PDB file of N, CA and C in Angstrom:
ATOM      1  N   MET A   1      23.266  21.705  13.234  1.00  0.00           N
ATOM      2  CA  MET A   1      22.876  20.391  13.681  1.00  0.00           C
ATOM      3  C   MET A   1      21.547  20.507  14.410  1.00  0.00           C
ATOM      4  N   ILE A   2      20.613  19.665  14.045  1.00  0.00           N
ATOM      5  CA  ILE A   2      19.298  19.664  14.684  1.00  0.00           C
ATOM      6  C   ILE A   2      19.259  18.508  15.679  1.00  0.00           C
ATOM      7  N   VAL A   3      18.867  18.809  16.896  1.00  0.00           N
ATOM      8  CA  VAL A   3      18.750  17.794  17.946  1.00  0.00           C
ATOM      9  C   VAL A   3      17.314  17.813  18.446  1.00  0.00           C
ATOM     10  N   PHE A   4      16.731  16.643  18.613  1.00  0.00           N
ATOM     11  CA  PHE A   4      15.368  16.589  19.120  1.00  0.00           C
ATOM     12  C   PHE A   4      15.176  15.322  19.941  1.00  0.00           C
ATOM     13  N   ASN A   5      14.153  15.322  20.751  1.00  0.00           N
ATOM     14  CA  ASN A   5      13.811  14.171  21.584  1.00  0.00           C
ATOM     15  C   ASN A   5      12.709  13.384  20.889  1.00  0.00           C
ATOM     16  N   ALA A   6      12.954  12.100  20.687  1.00  0.00           N
ATOM     17  CA  ALA A   6      11.951  11.229  20.066  1.00  0.00           C
ATOM     18  C   ALA A   6      11.745  10.021  20.983  1.00  0.00           C
ATOM     19  N   PRO A   7      11.008  10.211  22.072  1.00  0.00           N
ATOM     20  CA  PRO A   7      10.934   9.185  23.110  1.00  0.00           C
ATOM     21  C   PRO A   7      10.312   7.854  22.683  1.00  0.00           C
ATOM     22  N   PHE A   8       9.540   7.815  21.637  1.00  0.00           N
ATOM     23  CA  PHE A   8       8.896   6.573  21.227  1.00  0.00           C
ATOM     24  C   PHE A   8       9.554   5.940  20.006  1.00  0.00           C
ATOM     25  N   SER A   9      10.577   6.575  19.459  1.00  0.00           N
ATOM     26  CA  SER A   9      11.099   6.145  18.161  1.00  0.00           C
ATOM     27  C   SER A   9      11.776   4.783  18.176  1.00  0.00           C
ATOM     28  N   ASN A  10      12.515   4.430  19.229  1.00  0.00           N
ATOM     29  CA  ASN A  10      13.260   3.176  19.222  1.00  0.00           C
ATOM     30  C   ASN A  10      12.887   2.241  20.355  1.00  0.00           C
ATOM     31  N   THR A  11      11.819   2.510  21.041  1.00  0.00           N
ATOM     32  CA  THR A  11      11.440   1.703  22.199  1.00  0.00           C
ATOM     33  C   THR A  11      11.306   0.236  21.832  1.00  0.00           C
ATOM     34  N   ARG A  12      10.523  -0.071  20.831  1.00  0.00           N
ATOM     35  CA  ARG A  12      10.299  -1.465  20.450  1.00  0.00           C
ATOM     36  C   ARG A  12      11.595  -2.120  19.988  1.00  0.00           C
ATOM     37  N   SER A  13      12.432  -1.405  19.257  1.00  0.00           N
ATOM     38  CA  SER A  13      13.706  -1.948  18.788  1.00  0.00           C
ATOM     39  C   SER A  13      14.603  -2.329  19.961  1.00  0.00           C
ATOM     40  N   VAL A  14      14.649  -1.488  20.973  1.00  0.00           N
ATOM     41  CA  VAL A  14      15.477  -1.775  22.145  1.00  0.00           C
ATOM     42  C   VAL A  14      14.935  -2.996  22.884  1.00  0.00           C
ATOM     43  N   VAL A  15      13.630  -3.080  23.058  1.00  0.00           N
ATOM     44  CA  VAL A  15      13.015  -4.222  23.735  1.00  0.00           C
ATOM     45  C   VAL A  15      13.330  -5.516  22.990  1.00  0.00           C
ATOM     46  N   GLU A  16      13.201  -5.509  21.671  1.00  0.00           N
ATOM     47  CA  GLU A  16      13.498  -6.707  20.885  1.00  0.00           C
ATOM     48  C   GLU A  16      14.977  -7.087  20.987  1.00  0.00           C
ATOM     49  N   LEU A  17      15.858  -6.090  20.990  1.00  0.00           N
ATOM     50  CA  LEU A  17      17.285  -6.353  21.140  1.00  0.00           C
ATOM     51  C   LEU A  17      17.578  -7.000  22.492  1.00  0.00           C
ATOM     52  N   VAL A  18      16.988  -6.468  23.559  1.00  0.00           N
ATOM     53  CA  VAL A  18      17.197  -7.023  24.897  1.00  0.00           C
ATOM     54  C   VAL A  18      16.703  -8.467  24.957  1.00  0.00           C
ATOM     55  N   LEU A  19      15.521  -8.739  24.423  1.00  0.00           N
ATOM     56  CA  LEU A  19      15.000 -10.112  24.425  1.00  0.00           C
ATOM     57  C   LEU A  19      15.902 -11.052  23.630  1.00  0.00           C
ATOM     58  N   GLY A  20      16.387 -10.581  22.499  1.00  0.00           N
ATOM     59  CA  GLY A  20      17.301 -11.392  21.696  1.00  0.00           C
ATOM     60  C   GLY A  20      18.576 -11.714  22.447  1.00  0.00           C
ATOM     61  N   GLU A  21      19.098 -10.740  23.176  1.00  0.00           N
ATOM     62  CA  GLU A  21      20.324 -10.958  23.943  1.00  0.00           C
ATOM     63  C   GLU A  21      20.088 -11.899  25.124  1.00  0.00           C
ATOM     64  N   ILE A  22      18.926 -11.804  25.753  1.00  0.00           N
ATOM     65  CA  ILE A  22      18.590 -12.722  26.846  1.00  0.00           C
ATOM     66  C   ILE A  22      18.572 -14.157  26.313  1.00  0.00           C
ATOM     67  N   ILE A  23      17.923 -14.361  25.180  1.00  0.00           N
ATOM     68  CA  ILE A  23      17.838 -15.703  24.596  1.00  0.00           C
ATOM     69  C   ILE A  23      19.224 -16.198  24.188  1.00  0.00           C
ATOM     70  N   MET A  24      20.027 -15.342  23.597  1.00  0.00           N
ATOM     71  CA  MET A  24      21.381 -15.741  23.202  1.00  0.00           C
ATOM     72  C   MET A  24      22.203 -16.174  24.414  1.00  0.00           C
ATOM     73  N   LEU A  25      22.110 -15.422  25.508  1.00  0.00           N
ATOM     74  CA  LEU A  25      22.860 -15.764  26.717  1.00  0.00           C
ATOM     75  C   LEU A  25      22.353 -17.067  27.339  1.00  0.00           C
ATOM     76  N   MET A  26      21.044 -17.234  27.392  1.00  0.00           N
ATOM     77  CA  MET A  26      20.475 -18.440  27.995  1.00  0.00           C
ATOM     78  C   MET A  26      20.812 -19.702  27.198  1.00  0.00           C
ATOM     79  N   ARG A  27      20.966 -19.570  25.915  1.00  0.00           N
ATOM     80  CA  ARG A  27      21.240 -20.736  25.067  1.00  0.00           C
ATOM     81  C   ARG A  27      22.718 -20.917  24.746  1.00  0.00           C
ATOM     82  N   GLY A  28      23.553 -20.015  25.226  1.00  0.00           N
ATOM     83  CA  GLY A  28      24.989 -20.147  25.002  1.00  0.00           C
ATOM     84  C   GLY A  28      25.391 -19.980  23.549  1.00  0.00           C
ATOM     85  N   ILE A  29      24.625 -19.193  22.819  1.00  0.00           N
ATOM     86  CA  ILE A  29      24.861 -19.046  21.383  1.00  0.00           C
ATOM     87  C   ILE A  29      26.212 -18.389  21.093  1.00  0.00           C
ATOM     88  N   ILE A  30      26.635 -17.471  21.923  1.00  0.00           N
ATOM     89  CA  ILE A  30      27.907 -16.781  21.670  1.00  0.00           C
ATOM     90  C   ILE A  30      29.062 -17.777  21.705  1.00  0.00           C
ATOM     91  N   ASN A  31      29.093 -18.633  22.723  1.00  0.00           N
ATOM     92  CA  ASN A  31      30.155 -19.641  22.816  1.00  0.00           C
ATOM     93  C   ASN A  31      30.063 -20.662  21.685  1.00  0.00           C
ATOM     94  N   LYS A  32      28.861 -21.118  21.385  1.00  0.00           N
ATOM     95  CA  LYS A  32      28.694 -22.107  20.319  1.00  0.00           C
ATOM     96  C   LYS A  32      29.080 -21.521  18.958  1.00  0.00           C
ATOM     97  N   ASN A  33      28.795 -20.268  18.734  1.00  0.00           N
ATOM     98  CA  ASN A  33      29.187 -19.593  17.499  1.00  0.00           C
ATOM     99  C   ASN A  33      30.710 -19.532  17.386  1.00  0.00           C
ATOM    100  N   SER A  34      31.350 -19.181  18.485  1.00  0.00           N
ATOM    101  CA  SER A  34      32.814 -19.116  18.509  1.00  0.00           C
ATOM    102  C   SER A  34      33.425 -20.487  18.218  1.00  0.00           C
ATOM    103  N   MET A  35      32.862 -21.522  18.834  1.00  0.00           N
ATOM    104  CA  MET A  35      33.362 -22.887  18.594  1.00  0.00           C
ATOM    105  C   MET A  35      33.178 -23.285  17.135  1.00  0.00           C
ATOM    106  N   LEU A  36      32.023 -22.969  16.576  1.00  0.00           N
ATOM    107  CA  LEU A  36      31.738 -23.317  15.185  1.00  0.00           C
ATOM    108  C   LEU A  36      32.731 -22.647  14.244  1.00  0.00           C
ATOM    109  N   HIS A  37      33.046 -21.387  14.511  1.00  0.00           N
ATOM    110  CA  HIS A  37      34.018 -20.675  13.676  1.00  0.00           C
ATOM    111  C   HIS A  37      35.430 -21.226  13.839  1.00  0.00           C
ATOM    112  N   SER A  38      35.656 -21.959  14.938  1.00  0.00           N
ATOM    113  CA  SER A  38      36.959 -22.615  15.152  1.00  0.00           C
ATOM    114  C   SER A  38      36.968 -24.028  14.580  1.00  0.00           C
ATOM    115  N   GLY A  39      35.867 -24.395  13.931  1.00  0.00           N
ATOM    116  CA  GLY A  39      35.802 -25.717  13.301  1.00  0.00           C
ATOM    117  C   GLY A  39      35.237 -26.809  14.190  1.00  0.00           C
ATOM    118  N   ILE A  40      34.694 -26.453  15.345  1.00  0.00           N
ATOM    119  CA  ILE A  40      34.124 -27.441  16.269  1.00  0.00           C
ATOM    120  C   ILE A  40      32.604 -27.399  16.164  1.00  0.00           C
ATOM    121  N   TRP A  41      32.014 -28.512  15.768  1.00  0.00           N
ATOM    122  CA  TRP A  41      30.557 -28.607  15.639  1.00  0.00           C
ATOM    123  C   TRP A  41      30.027 -29.316  16.880  1.00  0.00           C
ATOM    124  N   ASP A  42      29.432 -28.575  17.793  1.00  0.00           N
ATOM    125  CA  ASP A  42      28.907 -29.126  19.044  1.00  0.00           C
ATOM    126  C   ASP A  42      27.390 -29.162  18.964  1.00  0.00           C
ATOM    127  N   LYS A  43      26.835 -30.371  18.811  1.00  0.00           N
ATOM    128  CA  LYS A  43      25.381 -30.517  18.712  1.00  0.00           C
ATOM    129  C   LYS A  43      24.717 -30.616  20.088  1.00  0.00           C
ATOM    130  N   SER A  44      25.520 -30.677  21.125  1.00  0.00           N
ATOM    131  CA  SER A  44      25.010 -30.837  22.482  1.00  0.00           C
ATOM    132  C   SER A  44      24.170 -29.628  22.894  1.00  0.00           C
ATOM    133  N   SER A  45      23.134 -29.909  23.667  1.00  0.00           N
ATOM    134  CA  SER A  45      22.317 -28.807  24.187  1.00  0.00           C
ATOM    135  C   SER A  45      22.665 -28.510  25.645  1.00  0.00           C
ATOM    136  N   SER A  46      23.731 -29.121  26.160  1.00  0.00           N
ATOM    137  CA  SER A  46      24.112 -28.854  27.555  1.00  0.00           C
ATOM    138  C   SER A  46      24.512 -27.379  27.701  1.00  0.00           C
ATOM    139  N   GLY A  47      24.087 -26.789  28.788  1.00  0.00           N
ATOM    140  CA  GLY A  47      24.350 -25.374  29.015  1.00  0.00           C
ATOM    141  C   GLY A  47      23.421 -24.459  28.240  1.00  0.00           C
ATOM    142  N   SER A  48      22.412 -25.039  27.615  1.00  0.00           N
ATOM    143  CA  SER A  48      21.453 -24.270  26.827  1.00  0.00           C
ATOM    144  C   SER A  48      20.089 -24.371  27.512  1.00  0.00           C
ATOM    145  N   TYR A  49      19.504 -23.234  27.828  1.00  0.00           N
ATOM    146  CA  TYR A  49      18.259 -23.227  28.593  1.00  0.00           C
ATOM    147  C   TYR A  49      17.199 -22.380  27.900  1.00  0.00           C
ATOM    148  N   GLU A  50      15.936 -22.745  28.128  1.00  0.00           N
ATOM    149  CA  GLU A  50      14.822 -21.931  27.642  1.00  0.00           C
ATOM    150  C   GLU A  50      14.565 -20.809  28.645  1.00  0.00           C
ATOM    151  N   VAL A  51      13.947 -19.739  28.193  1.00  0.00           N
ATOM    152  CA  VAL A  51      13.626 -18.630  29.094  1.00  0.00           C
ATOM    153  C   VAL A  51      12.320 -18.878  29.841  1.00  0.00           C
ATOM    154  N   ARG A  52      11.495 -19.766  29.310  1.00  0.00           N
ATOM    155  CA  ARG A  52      10.210 -20.060  29.954  1.00  0.00           C
ATOM    156  C   ARG A  52      10.448 -20.555  31.384  1.00  0.00           C
ATOM    157  N   GLY A  53       9.737 -19.962  32.330  1.00  0.00           N
ATOM    158  CA  GLY A  53       9.853 -20.351  33.724  1.00  0.00           C
ATOM    159  C   GLY A  53      10.961 -19.631  34.484  1.00  0.00           C
ATOM    160  N   LYS A  54      11.767 -18.849  33.792  1.00  0.00           N
ATOM    161  CA  LYS A  54      12.846 -18.108  34.443  1.00  0.00           C
ATOM    162  C   LYS A  54      12.319 -16.771  34.971  1.00  0.00           C
ATOM    163  N   LYS A  55      13.060 -16.200  35.912  1.00  0.00           N
ATOM    164  CA  LYS A  55      12.695 -14.898  36.477  1.00  0.00           C
ATOM    165  C   LYS A  55      13.471 -13.802  35.770  1.00  0.00           C
ATOM    166  N   LEU A  56      12.796 -12.678  35.543  1.00  0.00           N
ATOM    167  CA  LEU A  56      13.438 -11.505  34.953  1.00  0.00           C
ATOM    168  C   LEU A  56      13.214 -10.322  35.881  1.00  0.00           C
ATOM    169  N   GLY A  57      14.286  -9.657  36.260  1.00  0.00           N
ATOM    170  CA  GLY A  57      14.199  -8.456  37.080  1.00  0.00           C
ATOM    171  C   GLY A  57      14.474  -7.230  36.219  1.00  0.00           C
ATOM    172  N   ILE A  58      13.581  -6.286  36.260  1.00  0.00           N
ATOM    173  CA  ILE A  58      13.712  -5.074  35.451  1.00  0.00           C
ATOM    174  C   ILE A  58      13.880  -3.879  36.388  1.00  0.00           C
ATOM    175  N   ILE A  59      14.954  -3.143  36.189  1.00  0.00           N
ATOM    176  CA  ILE A  59      15.184  -1.921  36.957  1.00  0.00           C
ATOM    177  C   ILE A  59      14.821  -0.752  36.055  1.00  0.00           C
ATOM    178  N   GLY A  60      13.752  -0.058  36.408  1.00  0.00           N
ATOM    179  CA  GLY A  60      13.225   1.021  35.579  1.00  0.00           C
ATOM    180  C   GLY A  60      12.055   0.500  34.764  1.00  0.00           C
ATOM    181  N   TYR A  61      10.862   0.959  35.071  1.00  0.00           N
ATOM    182  CA  TYR A  61       9.649   0.445  34.432  1.00  0.00           C
ATOM    183  C   TYR A  61       8.994   1.521  33.565  1.00  0.00           C
ATOM    184  N   GLY A  62       9.832   2.196  32.794  1.00  0.00           N
ATOM    185  CA  GLY A  62       9.324   3.211  31.870  1.00  0.00           C
ATOM    186  C   GLY A  62       8.838   2.564  30.585  1.00  0.00           C
ATOM    187  N   LYS A  63       8.987   3.273  29.487  1.00  0.00           N
ATOM    188  CA  LYS A  63       8.500   2.764  28.199  1.00  0.00           C
ATOM    189  C   LYS A  63       9.175   1.448  27.806  1.00  0.00           C
ATOM    190  N   ILE A  64      10.488   1.381  27.946  1.00  0.00           N
ATOM    191  CA  ILE A  64      11.222   0.169  27.564  1.00  0.00           C
ATOM    192  C   ILE A  64      10.978  -0.941  28.574  1.00  0.00           C
ATOM    193  N   GLY A  65      11.138  -0.644  29.861  1.00  0.00           N
ATOM    194  CA  GLY A  65      10.966  -1.660  30.892  1.00  0.00           C
ATOM    195  C   GLY A  65       9.578  -2.281  30.897  1.00  0.00           C
ATOM    196  N   SER A  66       8.552  -1.471  30.720  1.00  0.00           N
ATOM    197  CA  SER A  66       7.186  -2.007  30.746  1.00  0.00           C
ATOM    198  C   SER A  66       6.887  -2.853  29.505  1.00  0.00           C
ATOM    199  N   GLN A  67       7.388  -2.436  28.335  1.00  0.00           N
ATOM    200  CA  GLN A  67       7.187  -3.264  27.129  1.00  0.00           C
ATOM    201  C   GLN A  67       7.972  -4.562  27.224  1.00  0.00           C
ATOM    202  N   LEU A  68       9.179  -4.489  27.776  1.00  0.00           N
ATOM    203  CA  LEU A  68       9.985  -5.695  27.986  1.00  0.00           C
ATOM    204  C   LEU A  68       9.237  -6.660  28.899  1.00  0.00           C
ATOM    205  N   SER A  69       8.599  -6.134  29.910  1.00  0.00           N
ATOM    206  CA  SER A  69       7.817  -6.924  30.850  1.00  0.00           C
ATOM    207  C   SER A  69       6.723  -7.719  30.138  1.00  0.00           C
ATOM    208  N   VAL A  70       5.983  -7.062  29.276  1.00  0.00           N
ATOM    209  CA  VAL A  70       4.876  -7.709  28.560  1.00  0.00           C
ATOM    210  C   VAL A  70       5.392  -8.826  27.651  1.00  0.00           C
ATOM    211  N   LEU A  71       6.419  -8.534  26.874  1.00  0.00           N
ATOM    212  CA  LEU A  71       6.936  -9.544  25.938  1.00  0.00           C
ATOM    213  C   LEU A  71       7.632 -10.688  26.663  1.00  0.00           C
ATOM    214  N   ALA A  72       8.309 -10.391  27.776  1.00  0.00           N
ATOM    215  CA  ALA A  72       8.945 -11.455  28.553  1.00  0.00           C
ATOM    216  C   ALA A  72       7.888 -12.396  29.131  1.00  0.00           C
ATOM    217  N   GLU A  73       6.770 -11.840  29.582  1.00  0.00           N
ATOM    218  CA  GLU A  73       5.672 -12.683  30.072  1.00  0.00           C
ATOM    219  C   GLU A  73       5.112 -13.545  28.952  1.00  0.00           C
ATOM    220  N   ASP A  74       5.033 -12.991  27.745  1.00  0.00           N
ATOM    221  CA  ASP A  74       4.555 -13.770  26.599  1.00  0.00           C
ATOM    222  C   ASP A  74       5.447 -14.979  26.341  1.00  0.00           C
ATOM    223  N   LEU A  75       6.730 -14.868  26.705  1.00  0.00           N
ATOM    224  CA  LEU A  75       7.667 -15.982  26.543  1.00  0.00           C
ATOM    225  C   LEU A  75       7.658 -16.914  27.760  1.00  0.00           C
ATOM    226  N   GLY A  76       6.809 -16.604  28.741  1.00  0.00           N
ATOM    227  CA  GLY A  76       6.679 -17.477  29.904  1.00  0.00           C
ATOM    228  C   GLY A  76       7.574 -17.127  31.071  1.00  0.00           C
ATOM    229  N   MET A  77       8.128 -15.941  31.069  1.00  0.00           N
ATOM    230  CA  MET A  77       9.002 -15.533  32.173  1.00  0.00           C
ATOM    231  C   MET A  77       8.186 -14.915  33.306  1.00  0.00           C
ATOM    232  N   GLU A  78       8.707 -15.048  34.518  1.00  0.00           N
ATOM    233  CA  GLU A  78       8.114 -14.420  35.693  1.00  0.00           C
ATOM    234  C   GLU A  78       8.820 -13.079  35.875  1.00  0.00           C
ATOM    235  N   VAL A  79       8.077 -11.989  35.828  1.00  0.00           N
ATOM    236  CA  VAL A  79       8.675 -10.654  35.783  1.00  0.00           C
ATOM    237  C   VAL A  79       8.492  -9.900  37.108  1.00  0.00           C
ATOM    238  N   TYR A  80       9.603  -9.342  37.576  1.00  0.00           N
ATOM    239  CA  TYR A  80       9.622  -8.452  38.734  1.00  0.00           C
ATOM    240  C   TYR A  80      10.224  -7.135  38.272  1.00  0.00           C
ATOM    241  N   TYR A  81       9.782  -6.033  38.866  1.00  0.00           N
ATOM    242  CA  TYR A  81      10.359  -4.750  38.479  1.00  0.00           C
ATOM    243  C   TYR A  81      10.478  -3.824  39.672  1.00  0.00           C
ATOM    244  N   TYR A  82      11.388  -2.866  39.527  1.00  0.00           N
ATOM    245  CA  TYR A  82      11.558  -1.808  40.518  1.00  0.00           C
ATOM    246  C   TYR A  82      11.674  -0.484  39.781  1.00  0.00           C
ATOM    247  N   ASP A  83      11.002   0.513  40.297  1.00  0.00           N
ATOM    248  CA  ASP A  83      11.094   1.863  39.751  1.00  0.00           C
ATOM    249  C   ASP A  83      10.974   2.840  40.903  1.00  0.00           C
ATOM    250  N   ILE A  84      11.669   3.949  40.807  1.00  0.00           N
ATOM    251  CA  ILE A  84      11.605   4.940  41.886  1.00  0.00           C
ATOM    252  C   ILE A  84      10.258   5.665  41.900  1.00  0.00           C
ATOM    253  N   LEU A  85       9.538   5.614  40.781  1.00  0.00           N
ATOM    254  CA  LEU A  85       8.202   6.210  40.698  1.00  0.00           C
ATOM    255  C   LEU A  85       7.152   5.113  40.840  1.00  0.00           C
ATOM    256  N   GLU A  86       5.972   5.494  41.289  1.00  0.00           N
ATOM    257  CA  GLU A  86       4.870   4.533  41.363  1.00  0.00           C
ATOM    258  C   GLU A  86       4.379   4.242  39.953  1.00  0.00           C
ATOM    259  N   LYS A  87       4.459   3.007  39.546  1.00  0.00           N
ATOM    260  CA  LYS A  87       4.004   2.601  38.219  1.00  0.00           C
ATOM    261  C   LYS A  87       3.082   1.401  38.377  1.00  0.00           C
ATOM    262  N   LEU A  88       1.991   1.395  37.649  1.00  0.00           N
ATOM    263  CA  LEU A  88       1.095   0.243  37.661  1.00  0.00           C
ATOM    264  C   LEU A  88       1.725  -0.889  36.858  1.00  0.00           C
ATOM    265  N   ALA A  89       1.606  -2.079  37.386  1.00  0.00           N
ATOM    266  CA  ALA A  89       2.147  -3.248  36.698  1.00  0.00           C
ATOM    267  C   ALA A  89       1.298  -3.589  35.486  1.00  0.00           C
ATOM    268  N   LEU A  90       1.957  -3.987  34.422  1.00  0.00           N
ATOM    269  CA  LEU A  90       1.257  -4.499  33.249  1.00  0.00           C
ATOM    270  C   LEU A  90       1.270  -6.031  33.345  1.00  0.00           C
ATOM    271  N   GLY A  91       0.171  -6.654  32.949  1.00  0.00           N
ATOM    272  CA  GLY A  91       0.119  -8.110  33.004  1.00  0.00           C
ATOM    273  C   GLY A  91       0.260  -8.608  34.429  1.00  0.00           C
ATOM    274  N   ASN A  92       1.116  -9.602  34.615  1.00  0.00           N
ATOM    275  CA  ASN A  92       1.322 -10.203  35.929  1.00  0.00           C
ATOM    276  C   ASN A  92       2.636  -9.787  36.574  1.00  0.00           C
ATOM    277  N   ALA A  93       3.256  -8.745  36.082  1.00  0.00           N
ATOM    278  CA  ALA A  93       4.524  -8.284  36.652  1.00  0.00           C
ATOM    279  C   ALA A  93       4.312  -7.899  38.115  1.00  0.00           C
ATOM    280  N   LYS A  94       5.326  -8.177  38.922  1.00  0.00           N
ATOM    281  CA  LYS A  94       5.229  -7.901  40.350  1.00  0.00           C
ATOM    282  C   LYS A  94       6.172  -6.762  40.716  1.00  0.00           C
ATOM    283  N   LYS A  95       5.621  -5.752  41.385  1.00  0.00           N
ATOM    284  CA  LYS A  95       6.416  -4.583  41.787  1.00  0.00           C
ATOM    285  C   LYS A  95       7.193  -4.899  43.056  1.00  0.00           C
ATOM    286  N   CYS A  96       8.457  -4.522  43.072  1.00  0.00           N
ATOM    287  CA  CYS A  96       9.293  -4.638  44.263  1.00  0.00           C
ATOM    288  C   CYS A  96       9.446  -3.250  44.868  1.00  0.00           C
ATOM    289  N   ARG A  97       9.458  -3.170  46.167  1.00  0.00           N
ATOM    290  CA  ARG A  97       9.525  -1.880  46.851  1.00  0.00           C
ATOM    291  C   ARG A  97      10.933  -1.285  46.880  1.00  0.00           C
ATOM    292  N   SER A  98      11.948  -2.128  46.650  1.00  0.00           N
ATOM    293  CA  SER A  98      13.331  -1.636  46.650  1.00  0.00           C
ATOM    294  C   SER A  98      14.161  -2.477  45.681  1.00  0.00           C
ATOM    295  N   MET A  99      15.316  -1.945  45.314  1.00  0.00           N
ATOM    296  CA  MET A  99      16.203  -2.693  44.440  1.00  0.00           C
ATOM    297  C   MET A  99      16.718  -3.942  45.171  1.00  0.00           C
ATOM    298  N   LYS A 100      16.922  -3.801  46.469  1.00  0.00           N
ATOM    299  CA  LYS A 100      17.372  -4.940  47.283  1.00  0.00           C
ATOM    300  C   LYS A 100      16.344  -6.074  47.237  1.00  0.00           C
ATOM    301  N   GLU A 101      15.070  -5.730  47.345  1.00  0.00           N
ATOM    302  CA  GLU A 101      14.006  -6.731  47.258  1.00  0.00           C
ATOM    303  C   GLU A 101      14.001  -7.401  45.879  1.00  0.00           C
ATOM    304  N   LEU A 102      14.178  -6.594  44.840  1.00  0.00           N
ATOM    305  CA  LEU A 102      14.214  -7.129  43.478  1.00  0.00           C
ATOM    306  C   LEU A 102      15.350  -8.136  43.328  1.00  0.00           C
ATOM    307  N   LEU A 103      16.527  -7.775  43.813  1.00  0.00           N
ATOM    308  CA  LEU A 103      17.688  -8.656  43.676  1.00  0.00           C
ATOM    309  C   LEU A 103      17.519  -9.939  44.485  1.00  0.00           C
ATOM    310  N   LYS A 104      16.815  -9.884  45.612  1.00  0.00           N
ATOM    311  CA  LYS A 104      16.553 -11.086  46.406  1.00  0.00           C
ATOM    312  C   LYS A 104      15.634 -12.057  45.658  1.00  0.00           C
ATOM    313  N   LYS A 105      14.743 -11.526  44.825  1.00  0.00           N
ATOM    314  CA  LYS A 105      13.817 -12.372  44.054  1.00  0.00           C
ATOM    315  C   LYS A 105      14.530 -13.166  42.974  1.00  0.00           C
ATOM    316  N   MET A 106      15.691 -12.677  42.550  1.00  0.00           N
ATOM    317  CA  MET A 106      16.420 -13.330  41.467  1.00  0.00           C
ATOM    318  C   MET A 106      17.158 -14.493  42.034  1.00  0.00           C
TER     319      MET A 106
END
């Protein structure tokens, strides 16, 4: 069995998956899908929100966290991050000095 480290191989895929899941949660797609499969067609948009203008807190600003930050800003989100290492912010992301500070921003 060959094992190797490929640190850049799935970064973008993970970021896209996370963004997709954020949108699904904000729009209540999981519940609406379940209702539809039960034969209930709910056209209402109640409980469905856009991500634009929302805050996103990222714990860990490595390859995935920093790319997530950039794409989340492209969708209009306000991004905060915390990392145990000193990392320069990309775009308009705001660095928090502690996880407690990050959680207070949310």
